Amino acid sequence: MVERYVFLRLKKEHAHESAKVMNEARRALEQIPRVVSFSIGAPADEHASDAWDVCMRVCFQSIYDVEPYRVHPAHRRFVDEFLKPRIDVVKAWNFTMD
């Protein structure tokens, strides 16, 4: 199992849109066939909220499923059309999990 963690920092003028970003992410991820499961959340404490506005965990069977996910039309629409105008910083990492 591979888990991809994505952290988003929204632009100040979009900081109030965390819930909207999370809802749009759910809609996009539900359409992508290689996504085994996912979870999306907001910071739970002040330290986390100082750095990030949204965290996403996306699970795949293998690392080879990540690139098809990244180029899938639903993902591209979400990122290019919805997310890019709203984000200031995005960080993503993949981890192999037991």
PDB file of N, CA and C in Angstrom:
ATOM      1  N   MET A   1       0.855  -1.176   0.000  1.00  0.00           N
ATOM      2  CA  MET A   1       0.000   0.000   0.000  1.00  0.00           C
ATOM      3  C   MET A   1       0.899   1.238   0.000  1.00  0.00           C
ATOM      4  N   VAL A   2       0.517   2.214  -0.806  1.00  0.00           N
ATOM      5  CA  VAL A   2       1.212   3.493  -0.851  1.00  0.00           C
ATOM      6  C   VAL A   2       0.235   4.571  -0.419  1.00  0.00           C
ATOM      7  N   GLU A   3       0.686   5.436   0.479  1.00  0.00           N
ATOM      8  CA  GLU A   3      -0.132   6.559   0.921  1.00  0.00           C
ATOM      9  C   GLU A   3       0.545   7.853   0.486  1.00  0.00           C
ATOM     10  N   ARG A   4      -0.218   8.695  -0.177  1.00  0.00           N
ATOM     11  CA  ARG A   4       0.261   9.997  -0.628  1.00  0.00           C
ATOM     12  C   ARG A   4      -0.336  11.052   0.300  1.00  0.00           C
ATOM     13  N   TYR A   5       0.525  11.843   0.907  1.00  0.00           N
ATOM     14  CA  TYR A   5       0.101  12.915   1.794  1.00  0.00           C
ATOM     15  C   TYR A   5       0.313  14.243   1.081  1.00  0.00           C
ATOM     16  N   VAL A   6      -0.751  15.026   1.025  1.00  0.00           N
ATOM     17  CA  VAL A   6      -0.709  16.317   0.349  1.00  0.00           C
ATOM     18  C   VAL A   6      -1.135  17.380   1.359  1.00  0.00           C
ATOM     19  N   PHE A   7      -0.306  18.405   1.507  1.00  0.00           N
ATOM     20  CA  PHE A   7      -0.577  19.505   2.419  1.00  0.00           C
ATOM     21  C   PHE A   7      -0.758  20.782   1.612  1.00  0.00           C
ATOM     22  N   LEU A   8      -1.813  21.528   1.925  1.00  0.00           N
ATOM     23  CA  LEU A   8      -2.134  22.743   1.190  1.00  0.00           C
ATOM     24  C   LEU A   8      -2.177  23.951   2.112  1.00  0.00           C
ATOM     25  N   ARG A   9      -1.564  25.009   1.668  1.00  0.00           N
ATOM     26  CA  ARG A   9      -1.681  26.311   2.323  1.00  0.00           C
ATOM     27  C   ARG A   9      -2.396  27.219   1.334  1.00  0.00           C
ATOM     28  N   LEU A  10      -3.560  27.706   1.712  1.00  0.00           N
ATOM     29  CA  LEU A  10      -4.346  28.557   0.834  1.00  0.00           C
ATOM     30  C   LEU A  10      -3.839  30.000   0.877  1.00  0.00           C
ATOM     31  N   LYS A  11      -4.055  30.699  -0.235  1.00  0.00           N
ATOM     32  CA  LYS A  11      -3.747  32.125  -0.264  1.00  0.00           C
ATOM     33  C   LYS A  11      -4.628  32.825   0.766  1.00  0.00           C
ATOM     34  N   LYS A  12      -4.133  33.926   1.320  1.00  0.00           N
ATOM     35  CA  LYS A  12      -4.881  34.625   2.376  1.00  0.00           C
ATOM     36  C   LYS A  12      -6.309  34.948   1.957  1.00  0.00           C
ATOM     37  N   GLU A  13      -6.489  35.368   0.717  1.00  0.00           N
ATOM     38  CA  GLU A  13      -7.840  35.737   0.277  1.00  0.00           C
ATOM     39  C   GLU A  13      -8.768  34.529   0.125  1.00  0.00           C
ATOM     40  N   HIS A  14      -8.210  33.322   0.186  1.00  0.00           N
ATOM     41  CA  HIS A  14      -9.012  32.096   0.090  1.00  0.00           C
ATOM     42  C   HIS A  14      -8.962  31.266   1.376  1.00  0.00           C
ATOM     43  N   ALA A  15      -8.371  31.799   2.421  1.00  0.00           N
ATOM     44  CA  ALA A  15      -8.191  31.044   3.667  1.00  0.00           C
ATOM     45  C   ALA A  15      -9.517  30.568   4.260  1.00  0.00           C
ATOM     46  N   HIS A  16     -10.596  31.270   3.999  1.00  0.00           N
ATOM     47  CA  HIS A  16     -11.916  30.902   4.530  1.00  0.00           C
ATOM     48  C   HIS A  16     -12.571  29.777   3.717  1.00  0.00           C
ATOM     49  N   GLU A  17     -11.906  29.287   2.658  1.00  0.00           N
ATOM     50  CA  GLU A  17     -12.491  28.292   1.759  1.00  0.00           C
ATOM     51  C   GLU A  17     -12.031  26.856   2.020  1.00  0.00           C
ATOM     52  N   SER A  18     -11.500  26.571   3.176  1.00  0.00           N
ATOM     53  CA  SER A  18     -11.013  25.217   3.469  1.00  0.00           C
ATOM     54  C   SER A  18     -12.089  24.154   3.252  1.00  0.00           C
ATOM     55  N   ALA A  19     -13.285  24.400   3.743  1.00  0.00           N
ATOM     56  CA  ALA A  19     -14.367  23.413   3.590  1.00  0.00           C
ATOM     57  C   ALA A  19     -14.708  23.205   2.122  1.00  0.00           C
ATOM     58  N   LYS A  20     -14.728  24.270   1.352  1.00  0.00           N
ATOM     59  CA  LYS A  20     -15.010  24.167  -0.076  1.00  0.00           C
ATOM     60  C   LYS A  20     -13.917  23.365  -0.791  1.00  0.00           C
ATOM     61  N   VAL A  21     -12.670  23.606  -0.429  1.00  0.00           N
ATOM     62  CA  VAL A  21     -11.543  22.858  -1.014  1.00  0.00           C
ATOM     63  C   VAL A  21     -11.670  21.374  -0.681  1.00  0.00           C
ATOM     64  N   MET A  22     -11.991  21.066   0.570  1.00  0.00           N
ATOM     65  CA  MET A  22     -12.133  19.667   0.973  1.00  0.00           C
ATOM     66  C   MET A  22     -13.285  18.994   0.223  1.00  0.00           C
ATOM     67  N   ASN A  23     -14.398  19.679   0.051  1.00  0.00           N
ATOM     68  CA  ASN A  23     -15.536  19.104  -0.683  1.00  0.00           C
ATOM     69  C   ASN A  23     -15.199  18.862  -2.150  1.00  0.00           C
ATOM     70  N   GLU A  24     -14.518  19.805  -2.784  1.00  0.00           N
ATOM     71  CA  GLU A  24     -14.125  19.626  -4.185  1.00  0.00           C
ATOM     72  C   GLU A  24     -13.109  18.495  -4.332  1.00  0.00           C
ATOM     73  N   ALA A  25     -12.216  18.374  -3.381  1.00  0.00           N
ATOM     74  CA  ALA A  25     -11.231  17.280  -3.405  1.00  0.00           C
ATOM     75  C   ALA A  25     -11.945  15.931  -3.316  1.00  0.00           C
ATOM     76  N   ARG A  26     -12.921  15.822  -2.423  1.00  0.00           N
ATOM     77  CA  ARG A  26     -13.686  14.572  -2.301  1.00  0.00           C
ATOM     78  C   ARG A  26     -14.364  14.219  -3.623  1.00  0.00           C
ATOM     79  N   ARG A  27     -14.988  15.199  -4.247  1.00  0.00           N
ATOM     80  CA  ARG A  27     -15.665  14.962  -5.532  1.00  0.00           C
ATOM     81  C   ARG A  27     -14.692  14.454  -6.592  1.00  0.00           C
ATOM     82  N   ALA A  28     -13.510  15.064  -6.649  1.00  0.00           N
ATOM     83  CA  ALA A  28     -12.517  14.655  -7.646  1.00  0.00           C
ATOM     84  C   ALA A  28     -11.981  13.261  -7.345  1.00  0.00           C
ATOM     85  N   LEU A  29     -11.611  13.007  -6.100  1.00  0.00           N
ATOM     86  CA  LEU A  29     -10.997  11.725  -5.740  1.00  0.00           C
ATOM     87  C   LEU A  29     -11.954  10.559  -5.930  1.00  0.00           C
ATOM     88  N   GLU A  30     -13.241  10.781  -5.728  1.00  0.00           N
ATOM     89  CA  GLU A  30     -14.228   9.716  -5.915  1.00  0.00           C
ATOM     90  C   GLU A  30     -14.318   9.249  -7.363  1.00  0.00           C
ATOM     91  N   GLN A  31     -13.846  10.048  -8.295  1.00  0.00           N
ATOM     92  CA  GLN A  31     -13.929   9.730  -9.725  1.00  0.00           C
ATOM     93  C   GLN A  31     -12.699   8.995 -10.259  1.00  0.00           C
ATOM     94  N   ILE A  32     -11.661   8.870  -9.458  1.00  0.00           N
ATOM     95  CA  ILE A  32     -10.392   8.347  -9.956  1.00  0.00           C
ATOM     96  C   ILE A  32     -10.263   6.875  -9.598  1.00  0.00           C
ATOM     97  N   PRO A  33     -10.209   5.991 -10.617  1.00  0.00           N
ATOM     98  CA  PRO A  33     -10.291   4.554 -10.368  1.00  0.00           C
ATOM     99  C   PRO A  33      -9.160   3.945  -9.552  1.00  0.00           C
ATOM    100  N   ARG A  34      -7.966   4.444  -9.605  1.00  0.00           N
ATOM    101  CA  ARG A  34      -6.858   3.805  -8.889  1.00  0.00           C
ATOM    102  C   ARG A  34      -6.744   4.229  -7.426  1.00  0.00           C
ATOM    103  N   VAL A  35      -7.603   5.117  -7.002  1.00  0.00           N
ATOM    104  CA  VAL A  35      -7.624   5.539  -5.602  1.00  0.00           C
ATOM    105  C   VAL A  35      -8.366   4.479  -4.800  1.00  0.00           C
ATOM    106  N   VAL A  36      -7.656   3.846  -3.871  1.00  0.00           N
ATOM    107  CA  VAL A  36      -8.242   2.800  -3.031  1.00  0.00           C
ATOM    108  C   VAL A  36      -9.097   3.440  -1.938  1.00  0.00           C
ATOM    109  N   SER A  37      -8.567   4.470  -1.307  1.00  0.00           N
ATOM    110  CA  SER A  37      -9.291   5.206  -0.276  1.00  0.00           C
ATOM    111  C   SER A  37      -8.617   6.563  -0.100  1.00  0.00           C
ATOM    112  N   PHE A  38      -9.303   7.443   0.619  1.00  0.00           N
ATOM    113  CA  PHE A  38      -8.720   8.751   0.894  1.00  0.00           C
ATOM    114  C   PHE A  38      -9.364   9.335   2.131  1.00  0.00           C
ATOM    115  N   SER A  39      -8.675  10.288   2.724  1.00  0.00           N
ATOM    116  CA  SER A  39      -9.241  11.080   3.808  1.00  0.00           C
ATOM    117  C   SER A  39      -8.719  12.506   3.654  1.00  0.00           C
ATOM    118  N   ILE A  40      -9.540  13.432   4.087  1.00  0.00           N
ATOM    119  CA  ILE A  40      -9.228  14.846   3.935  1.00  0.00           C
ATOM    120  C   ILE A  40      -9.577  15.523   5.247  1.00  0.00           C
ATOM    121  N   GLY A  41      -8.695  16.414   5.712  1.00  0.00           N
ATOM    122  CA  GLY A  41      -8.985  17.063   6.975  1.00  0.00           C
ATOM    123  C   GLY A  41      -8.371  18.440   7.107  1.00  0.00           C
ATOM    124  N   ALA A  42      -8.764  19.087   8.189  1.00  0.00           N
ATOM    125  CA  ALA A  42      -8.270  20.412   8.542  1.00  0.00           C
ATOM    126  C   ALA A  42      -7.353  20.280   9.761  1.00  0.00           C
ATOM    127  N   PRO A  43      -6.521  21.267   9.989  1.00  0.00           N
ATOM    128  CA  PRO A  43      -5.615  21.207  11.144  1.00  0.00           C
ATOM    129  C   PRO A  43      -6.363  21.014  12.464  1.00  0.00           C
ATOM    130  N   ALA A  44      -5.767  20.225  13.343  1.00  0.00           N
ATOM    131  CA  ALA A  44      -6.394  19.926  14.625  1.00  0.00           C
ATOM    132  C   ALA A  44      -5.856  20.791  15.767  1.00  0.00           C
ATOM    133  N   ASP A  45      -4.752  21.490  15.524  1.00  0.00           N
ATOM    134  CA  ASP A  45      -4.185  22.331  16.572  1.00  0.00           C
ATOM    135  C   ASP A  45      -3.554  23.586  15.966  1.00  0.00           C
ATOM    136  N   GLU A  46      -3.182  24.506  16.825  1.00  0.00           N
ATOM    137  CA  GLU A  46      -2.643  25.792  16.379  1.00  0.00           C
ATOM    138  C   GLU A  46      -1.343  25.641  15.600  1.00  0.00           C
ATOM    139  N   HIS A  47      -0.489  24.740  16.036  1.00  0.00           N
ATOM    140  CA  HIS A  47       0.788  24.528  15.351  1.00  0.00           C
ATOM    141  C   HIS A  47       0.564  24.095  13.900  1.00  0.00           C
ATOM    142  N   ALA A  48      -0.347  23.155  13.685  1.00  0.00           N
ATOM    143  CA  ALA A  48      -0.652  22.701  12.327  1.00  0.00           C
ATOM    144  C   ALA A  48      -1.317  23.801  11.513  1.00  0.00           C
ATOM    145  N   SER A  49      -2.219  24.546  12.121  1.00  0.00           N
ATOM    146  CA  SER A  49      -2.924  25.593  11.374  1.00  0.00           C
ATOM    147  C   SER A  49      -2.026  26.770  11.028  1.00  0.00           C
ATOM    148  N   ASP A  50      -0.915  26.915  11.728  1.00  0.00           N
ATOM    149  CA  ASP A  50       0.058  27.951  11.362  1.00  0.00           C
ATOM    150  C   ASP A  50       0.737  27.619  10.036  1.00  0.00           C
ATOM    151  N   ALA A  51       0.784  26.331   9.698  1.00  0.00           N
ATOM    152  CA  ALA A  51       1.503  25.901   8.492  1.00  0.00           C
ATOM    153  C   ALA A  51       0.594  25.496   7.340  1.00  0.00           C
ATOM    154  N   TRP A  52      -0.562  24.860   7.657  1.00  0.00           N
ATOM    155  CA  TRP A  52      -1.392  24.264   6.607  1.00  0.00           C
ATOM    156  C   TRP A  52      -2.862  24.535   6.824  1.00  0.00           C
ATOM    157  N   ASP A  53      -3.626  24.489   5.723  1.00  0.00           N
ATOM    158  CA  ASP A  53      -5.076  24.656   5.801  1.00  0.00           C
ATOM    159  C   ASP A  53      -5.829  23.356   5.547  1.00  0.00           C
ATOM    160  N   VAL A  54      -5.253  22.481   4.717  1.00  0.00           N
ATOM    161  CA  VAL A  54      -5.908  21.222   4.346  1.00  0.00           C
ATOM    162  C   VAL A  54      -4.840  20.139   4.219  1.00  0.00           C
ATOM    163  N   CYS A  55      -5.191  18.937   4.651  1.00  0.00           N
ATOM    164  CA  CYS A  55      -4.337  17.759   4.468  1.00  0.00           C
ATOM    165  C   CYS A  55      -5.163  16.671   3.788  1.00  0.00           C
ATOM    166  N   MET A  56      -4.550  16.018   2.805  1.00  0.00           N
ATOM    167  CA  MET A  56      -5.212  14.904   2.121  1.00  0.00           C
ATOM    168  C   MET A  56      -4.308  13.677   2.192  1.00  0.00           C
ATOM    169  N   ARG A  57      -4.927  12.528   2.450  1.00  0.00           N
ATOM    170  CA  ARG A  57      -4.227  11.247   2.402  1.00  0.00           C
ATOM    171  C   ARG A  57      -4.929  10.421   1.339  1.00  0.00           C
ATOM    172  N   VAL A  58      -4.173  10.025   0.318  1.00  0.00           N
ATOM    173  CA  VAL A  58      -4.732   9.252  -0.793  1.00  0.00           C
ATOM    174  C   VAL A  58      -3.996   7.925  -0.850  1.00  0.00           C
ATOM    175  N   CYS A  59      -4.729   6.810  -0.839  1.00  0.00           N
ATOM    176  CA  CYS A  59      -4.129   5.481  -0.788  1.00  0.00           C
ATOM    177  C   CYS A  59      -4.229   4.770  -2.137  1.00  0.00           C
ATOM    178  N   PHE A  60      -3.149   4.069  -2.482  1.00  0.00           N
ATOM    179  CA  PHE A  60      -3.045   3.313  -3.728  1.00  0.00           C
ATOM    180  C   PHE A  60      -2.504   1.917  -3.429  1.00  0.00           C
ATOM    181  N   GLN A  61      -2.748   0.990  -4.343  1.00  0.00           N
ATOM    182  CA  GLN A  61      -2.188  -0.357  -4.206  1.00  0.00           C
ATOM    183  C   GLN A  61      -0.669  -0.343  -4.338  1.00  0.00           C
ATOM    184  N   SER A  62      -0.143   0.476  -5.273  1.00  0.00           N
ATOM    185  CA  SER A  62       1.304   0.520  -5.468  1.00  0.00           C
ATOM    186  C   SER A  62       1.734   1.903  -5.934  1.00  0.00           C
ATOM    187  N   ILE A  63       3.021   2.140  -5.926  1.00  0.00           N
ATOM    188  CA  ILE A  63       3.576   3.410  -6.384  1.00  0.00           C
ATOM    189  C   ILE A  63       3.255   3.631  -7.866  1.00  0.00           C
ATOM    190  N   TYR A  64       3.047   2.566  -8.600  1.00  0.00           N
ATOM    191  CA  TYR A  64       2.749   2.665 -10.031  1.00  0.00           C
ATOM    192  C   TYR A  64       1.345   3.220 -10.302  1.00  0.00           C
ATOM    193  N   ASP A  65       0.527   3.318  -9.285  1.00  0.00           N
ATOM    194  CA  ASP A  65      -0.808   3.897  -9.434  1.00  0.00           C
ATOM    195  C   ASP A  65      -0.808   5.416  -9.234  1.00  0.00           C
ATOM    196  N   VAL A  66       0.281   5.960  -8.713  1.00  0.00           N
ATOM    197  CA  VAL A  66       0.316   7.385  -8.403  1.00  0.00           C
ATOM    198  C   VAL A  66       0.326   8.239  -9.669  1.00  0.00           C
ATOM    199  N   GLU A  67       1.153   7.913 -10.634  1.00  0.00           N
ATOM    200  CA  GLU A  67       1.231   8.738 -11.842  1.00  0.00           C
ATOM    201  C   GLU A  67      -0.079   8.713 -12.636  1.00  0.00           C
ATOM    202  N   PRO A  68      -0.720   7.559 -12.844  1.00  0.00           N
ATOM    203  CA  PRO A  68      -2.028   7.589 -13.511  1.00  0.00           C
ATOM    204  C   PRO A  68      -3.053   8.458 -12.764  1.00  0.00           C
ATOM    205  N   TYR A  69      -2.986   8.457 -11.447  1.00  0.00           N
ATOM    206  CA  TYR A  69      -3.843   9.329 -10.640  1.00  0.00           C
ATOM    207  C   TYR A  69      -3.525  10.795 -10.925  1.00  0.00           C
ATOM    208  N   ARG A  70      -2.255  11.124 -10.949  1.00  0.00           N
ATOM    209  CA  ARG A  70      -1.842  12.520 -11.156  1.00  0.00           C
ATOM    210  C   ARG A  70      -2.293  13.073 -12.512  1.00  0.00           C
ATOM    211  N   VAL A  71      -2.339  12.221 -13.529  1.00  0.00           N
ATOM    212  CA  VAL A  71      -2.700  12.691 -14.872  1.00  0.00           C
ATOM    213  C   VAL A  71      -4.172  12.441 -15.226  1.00  0.00           C
ATOM    214  N   HIS A  72      -4.910  11.806 -14.339  1.00  0.00           N
ATOM    215  CA  HIS A  72      -6.320  11.532 -14.597  1.00  0.00           C
ATOM    216  C   HIS A  72      -7.067  12.862 -14.807  1.00  0.00           C
ATOM    217  N   PRO A  73      -7.979  12.924 -15.782  1.00  0.00           N
ATOM    218  CA  PRO A  73      -8.703  14.174 -16.070  1.00  0.00           C
ATOM    219  C   PRO A  73      -9.419  14.794 -14.864  1.00  0.00           C
ATOM    220  N   ALA A  74      -9.987  13.987 -13.997  1.00  0.00           N
ATOM    221  CA  ALA A  74     -10.670  14.532 -12.813  1.00  0.00           C
ATOM    222  C   ALA A  74      -9.679  15.205 -11.873  1.00  0.00           C
ATOM    223  N   HIS A  75      -8.512  14.596 -11.727  1.00  0.00           N
ATOM    224  CA  HIS A  75      -7.473  15.193 -10.883  1.00  0.00           C
ATOM    225  C   HIS A  75      -6.944  16.475 -11.511  1.00  0.00           C
ATOM    226  N   ARG A  76      -6.688  16.440 -12.810  1.00  0.00           N
ATOM    227  CA  ARG A  76      -6.160  17.623 -13.507  1.00  0.00           C
ATOM    228  C   ARG A  76      -7.150  18.780 -13.421  1.00  0.00           C
ATOM    229  N   ARG A  77      -8.448  18.515 -13.603  1.00  0.00           N
ATOM    230  CA  ARG A  77      -9.454  19.579 -13.491  1.00  0.00           C
ATOM    231  C   ARG A  77      -9.449  20.189 -12.092  1.00  0.00           C
ATOM    232  N   PHE A  78      -9.433  19.315 -11.084  1.00  0.00           N
ATOM    233  CA  PHE A  78      -9.422  19.786  -9.708  1.00  0.00           C
ATOM    234  C   PHE A  78      -8.193  20.662  -9.445  1.00  0.00           C
ATOM    235  N   VAL A  79      -7.020  20.176  -9.819  1.00  0.00           N
ATOM    236  CA  VAL A  79      -5.786  20.907  -9.545  1.00  0.00           C
ATOM    237  C   VAL A  79      -5.676  22.167 -10.398  1.00  0.00           C
ATOM    238  N   ASP A  80      -5.802  22.016 -11.711  1.00  0.00           N
ATOM    239  CA  ASP A  80      -5.533  23.135 -12.617  1.00  0.00           C
ATOM    240  C   ASP A  80      -6.604  24.220 -12.589  1.00  0.00           C
ATOM    241  N   GLU A  81      -7.861  23.817 -12.541  1.00  0.00           N
ATOM    242  CA  GLU A  81      -8.937  24.793 -12.641  1.00  0.00           C
ATOM    243  C   GLU A  81      -9.442  25.298 -11.285  1.00  0.00           C
ATOM    244  N   PHE A  82      -9.494  24.400 -10.309  1.00  0.00           N
ATOM    245  CA  PHE A  82     -10.051  24.798  -9.015  1.00  0.00           C
ATOM    246  C   PHE A  82      -8.960  25.183  -8.007  1.00  0.00           C
ATOM    247  N   LEU A  83      -7.975  24.325  -7.839  1.00  0.00           N
ATOM    248  CA  LEU A  83      -7.021  24.477  -6.743  1.00  0.00           C
ATOM    249  C   LEU A  83      -5.939  25.529  -6.993  1.00  0.00           C
ATOM    250  N   LYS A  84      -5.319  25.505  -8.145  1.00  0.00           N
ATOM    251  CA  LYS A  84      -4.174  26.409  -8.394  1.00  0.00           C
ATOM    252  C   LYS A  84      -4.466  27.874  -8.099  1.00  0.00           C
ATOM    253  N   PRO A  85      -5.614  28.403  -8.470  1.00  0.00           N
ATOM    254  CA  PRO A  85      -5.870  29.811  -8.148  1.00  0.00           C
ATOM    255  C   PRO A  85      -5.993  30.087  -6.648  1.00  0.00           C
ATOM    256  N   ARG A  86      -6.200  29.051  -5.842  1.00  0.00           N
ATOM    257  CA  ARG A  86      -6.452  29.230  -4.416  1.00  0.00           C
ATOM    258  C   ARG A  86      -5.256  28.917  -3.516  1.00  0.00           C
ATOM    259  N   ILE A  87      -4.246  28.203  -4.033  1.00  0.00           N
ATOM    260  CA  ILE A  87      -3.183  27.756  -3.136  1.00  0.00           C
ATOM    261  C   ILE A  87      -1.934  28.621  -3.221  1.00  0.00           C
ATOM    262  N   ASP A  88      -1.310  28.730  -2.074  1.00  0.00           N
ATOM    263  CA  ASP A  88      -0.044  29.441  -1.955  1.00  0.00           C
ATOM    264  C   ASP A  88       1.106  28.435  -1.945  1.00  0.00           C
ATOM    265  N   VAL A  89       0.921  27.327  -1.208  1.00  0.00           N
ATOM    266  CA  VAL A  89       1.952  26.288  -1.089  1.00  0.00           C
ATOM    267  C   VAL A  89       1.272  24.924  -1.132  1.00  0.00           C
ATOM    268  N   VAL A  90       1.906  24.000  -1.839  1.00  0.00           N
ATOM    269  CA  VAL A  90       1.452  22.600  -1.836  1.00  0.00           C
ATOM    270  C   VAL A  90       2.692  21.718  -1.691  1.00  0.00           C
ATOM    271  N   LYS A  91       2.604  20.733  -0.826  1.00  0.00           N
ATOM    272  CA  LYS A  91       3.669  19.755  -0.624  1.00  0.00           C
ATOM    273  C   LYS A  91       3.040  18.376  -0.687  1.00  0.00           C
ATOM    274  N   ALA A  92       3.691  17.450  -1.361  1.00  0.00           N
ATOM    275  CA  ALA A  92       3.156  16.079  -1.472  1.00  0.00           C
ATOM    276  C   ALA A  92       4.292  15.082  -1.342  1.00  0.00           C
ATOM    277  N   TRP A  93       4.033  14.003  -0.601  1.00  0.00           N
ATOM    278  CA  TRP A  93       4.996  12.922  -0.419  1.00  0.00           C
ATOM    279  C   TRP A  93       4.264  11.591  -0.476  1.00  0.00           C
ATOM    280  N   ASN A  94       4.968  10.559  -0.978  1.00  0.00           N
ATOM    281  CA  ASN A  94       4.440   9.199  -1.033  1.00  0.00           C
ATOM    282  C   ASN A  94       5.196   8.316  -0.058  1.00  0.00           C
ATOM    283  N   PHE A  95       4.479   7.453   0.643  1.00  0.00           N
ATOM    284  CA  PHE A  95       5.067   6.541   1.612  1.00  0.00           C
ATOM    285  C   PHE A  95       4.557   5.129   1.386  1.00  0.00           C
ATOM    286  N   THR A  96       5.450   4.154   1.466  1.00  0.00           N
ATOM    287  CA  THR A  96       5.058   2.755   1.429  1.00  0.00           C
ATOM    288  C   THR A  96       4.662   2.364   2.849  1.00  0.00           C
ATOM    289  N   MET A  97       3.474   1.774   2.980  1.00  0.00           N
ATOM    290  CA  MET A  97       2.947   1.422   4.290  1.00  0.00           C
ATOM    291  C   MET A  97       2.766  -0.096   4.374  1.00  0.00           C
ATOM    292  N   ASP A  98       2.899  -0.632   5.570  1.00  0.00           N
ATOM    293  CA  ASP A  98       2.667  -2.062   5.804  1.00  0.00           C
ATOM    294  C   ASP A  98       1.186  -2.352   5.838  1.00  0.00           C
TER     295      ASP A  98
END
